[in-house]
Amino acid sequence: MTLLTVTLPVGCTEVKIVRPEDGTEMLVQLPVIEPSPAEGPSFAADVLDRFERYRKYDRKTPAPDVADFLVRHLGFEVEVPPSKASSELRFIFTGTKRSATLWMNSAGLFSISKDQVNFAIELAGAVPKAEGRIMFPFPSSDPREIAKEFVAWANG
């Protein structure tokens, strides 16, 4: 028996079976099983609790998706600061030259580090706040691009 496998763009695999004795052909179509998407980072329970708090404030907040991107694709470490009154998460990236720290709540990313203020204020979407806090609101800035800029800054 000879097997010939052809993957079709319609989401199935067609297998042609040929009997060598008499040349009889039979076509069999099998579904293509897609590999499961890569699992996201395993966030600690306290981080997941923060996401739930964010959703209570704003059901459409992109914060959990942004957190996933920062951790899985850029290599940030995430932690819940010790203050129980805070609703923020802290993301730390250790670069080749320095560390970059970003904070997140349901409304956006922000930087509070004095070492980062001159860099952060120059980024697109930066909104200066009191005490050197630079906010990057979700509706008016691209948090993924902002985070990439901080990674480049930390590495360069």
Protein backbone atom coordinates (compact mmCIF):
# COMPACT_ATOMS: atom_id res chain seq x y z
CA MET A 1 0.00 0.00 0.00
CA THR A 2 1.29 3.48 -0.92
CA LEU A 3 0.26 6.59 1.00
CA LEU A 4 0.22 10.11 -0.38
CA THR A 5 -0.65 12.96 2.00
CA VAL A 6 -1.66 16.40 0.76
CA THR A 7 -2.66 19.24 3.09
CA LEU A 8 -5.51 21.26 1.70
CA PRO A 9 -6.27 24.88 2.54
CA VAL A 10 -9.86 23.99 3.46
CA GLY A 11 -8.91 22.66 6.90
CA CYS A 12 -8.59 18.97 6.16
CA THR A 13 -5.94 16.53 5.09
CA GLU A 14 -6.68 14.35 2.12
CA VAL A 15 -5.01 10.95 2.08
CA LYS A 16 -4.92 8.94 -1.14
CA ILE A 17 -4.50 5.24 -0.60
CA VAL A 18 -3.37 3.20 -3.60
CA ARG A 19 -3.40 -0.58 -3.58
CA PRO A 20 -0.26 -1.74 -5.43
CA GLU A 21 -1.87 -5.04 -6.44
CA ASP A 22 -4.55 -3.54 -8.66
CA GLY A 23 -4.04 0.27 -8.59
CA THR A 24 -7.35 0.86 -6.80
CA GLU A 25 -7.43 4.33 -5.24
CA MET A 26 -9.34 5.50 -2.21
CA LEU A 27 -9.43 9.09 -0.90
CA VAL A 28 -9.89 9.69 2.80
CA GLN A 29 -10.32 13.16 4.30
CA LEU A 30 -9.29 13.73 7.90
CA PRO A 31 -9.68 16.96 9.88
CA VAL A 32 -6.56 18.96 10.57
CA ILE A 33 -6.03 19.27 14.28
CA GLU A 34 -4.57 22.66 15.02
CA PRO A 35 -1.93 22.79 17.70
CA SER A 36 -3.24 24.39 20.84
CA PRO A 37 -2.12 27.99 21.25
CA ALA A 38 0.77 28.53 23.58
CA GLU A 39 -0.45 28.88 27.09
CA GLY A 40 -0.11 32.28 28.63
CA PRO A 41 2.03 33.00 31.62
CA SER A 42 0.86 31.54 34.89
CA PHE A 43 0.04 34.58 36.93
CA ALA A 44 0.03 34.33 40.70
CA ALA A 45 -3.33 34.46 42.46
CA ASP A 46 -2.71 38.00 43.75
CA VAL A 47 -2.06 39.23 40.19
CA LEU A 48 -5.24 37.54 38.95
CA ASP A 49 -7.12 39.23 41.81
CA ARG A 50 -5.89 42.60 40.53
CA PHE A 51 -7.22 41.79 37.08
CA GLU A 52 -10.62 41.13 38.63
CA ARG A 53 -10.46 44.49 40.39
CA TYR A 54 -9.63 46.15 37.10
CA ARG A 55 -12.62 44.53 35.44
CA LYS A 56 -14.87 45.85 38.21
CA TYR A 57 -13.72 49.39 37.36
CA ASP A 58 -13.76 48.91 33.60
CA ARG A 59 -15.07 45.71 32.01
CA LYS A 60 -13.21 46.49 28.76
CA THR A 61 -9.82 47.29 30.26
CA PRO A 62 -6.97 45.88 28.18
CA ALA A 63 -4.80 45.54 31.31
CA PRO A 64 -4.81 41.70 31.49
CA ASP A 65 -3.87 41.41 27.80
CA VAL A 66 -1.17 44.04 28.18
CA ALA A 67 0.21 42.22 31.24
CA ASP A 68 0.33 39.00 29.24
CA PHE A 69 2.25 40.75 26.45
CA LEU A 70 4.75 42.34 28.86
CA VAL A 71 5.48 39.06 30.59
CA ARG A 72 5.32 36.56 27.74
CA HIS A 73 6.73 38.57 24.84
CA LEU A 74 9.02 41.13 26.44
CA GLY A 75 10.28 39.33 29.54
CA PHE A 76 8.99 41.63 32.27
CA GLU A 77 8.54 40.21 35.77
CA VAL A 78 5.23 41.15 37.40
CA GLU A 79 4.54 41.64 41.08
CA VAL A 80 1.89 43.02 43.36
CA PRO A 81 3.31 45.82 45.49
CA PRO A 82 2.96 45.29 49.25
CA SER A 83 0.44 48.10 49.77
CA LYS A 84 -3.03 46.57 50.19
CA ALA A 85 -4.65 49.91 49.31
CA SER A 86 -3.02 49.95 45.89
CA SER A 87 -4.68 48.53 42.81
CA GLU A 88 -1.47 48.66 40.79
CA LEU A 89 0.86 46.04 39.41
CA ARG A 90 4.58 46.58 39.02
CA PHE A 91 6.46 45.27 35.97
CA ILE A 92 10.25 45.10 36.03
CA PHE A 93 12.50 44.48 33.06
CA THR A 94 16.21 43.90 33.70
CA GLY A 95 18.08 45.07 30.65
CA THR A 96 21.74 44.91 29.71
CA LYS A 97 22.36 48.52 30.83
CA ARG A 98 19.67 49.21 33.45
CA SER A 99 16.29 48.15 34.76
CA ALA A 100 13.00 49.59 33.58
CA THR A 101 9.96 49.66 35.83
CA LEU A 102 6.43 50.20 34.64
CA TRP A 103 3.29 50.31 36.73
CA MET A 104 -0.21 49.41 35.61
CA ASN A 105 -3.75 49.93 36.76
CA SER A 106 -7.05 49.61 34.92
CA ALA A 107 -6.49 52.96 33.17
CA GLY A 108 -3.00 52.58 31.76
CA LEU A 109 0.74 52.19 32.20
CA PHE A 110 2.87 54.69 34.03
CA SER A 111 6.40 55.39 35.07
CA ILE A 112 7.32 56.87 38.45
CA SER A 113 11.07 56.30 38.45
CA LYS A 114 13.19 59.45 38.63
CA ASP A 115 15.77 57.68 36.43
CA GLN A 116 13.16 57.16 33.71
CA VAL A 117 11.34 60.52 33.78
CA ASN A 118 13.38 62.28 31.07
CA PHE A 119 13.06 59.28 28.78
CA ALA A 120 9.39 58.62 29.52
CA ILE A 121 8.20 62.19 28.97
CA GLU A 122 9.46 62.08 25.38
CA LEU A 123 7.39 59.03 24.38
CA ALA A 124 4.20 59.31 22.34
CA GLY A 125 1.10 59.48 24.52
CA ALA A 126 2.97 60.55 27.66
CA VAL A 127 0.84 62.53 30.10
CA PRO A 128 2.80 64.19 32.93
CA LYS A 129 1.16 63.90 36.36
CA ALA A 130 2.11 65.12 39.82
CA GLU A 131 5.39 64.10 41.47
CA GLY A 132 7.17 62.99 38.28
CA ARG A 133 4.58 60.38 37.37
CA ILE A 134 4.29 59.88 33.61
CA MET A 135 1.02 58.24 32.57
CA PHE A 136 0.32 56.36 29.34
CA PRO A 137 -3.48 56.04 29.28
CA PHE A 138 -4.83 52.99 27.46
CA PRO A 139 -7.21 54.91 25.21
CA SER A 140 -4.62 57.36 23.91
CA SER A 141 -1.37 55.39 23.83
CA ASP A 142 -0.21 51.98 22.62
CA PRO A 143 0.94 50.15 25.76
CA ARG A 144 2.76 47.46 23.79
CA GLU A 145 4.83 50.03 21.90
CA ILE A 146 5.49 51.98 25.11
CA ALA A 147 6.75 48.80 26.80
CA LYS A 148 8.97 48.01 23.81
CA GLU A 149 10.50 51.49 24.10
CA PHE A 150 11.28 50.88 27.77
CA VAL A 151 12.91 47.54 26.92
CA ALA A 152 15.09 49.28 24.31
CA TRP A 153 15.95 51.99 26.83
CA ALA A 154 16.94 49.38 29.44
CA ASN A 155 19.12 47.57 26.92
CA GLY A 156 20.73 50.58 25.41
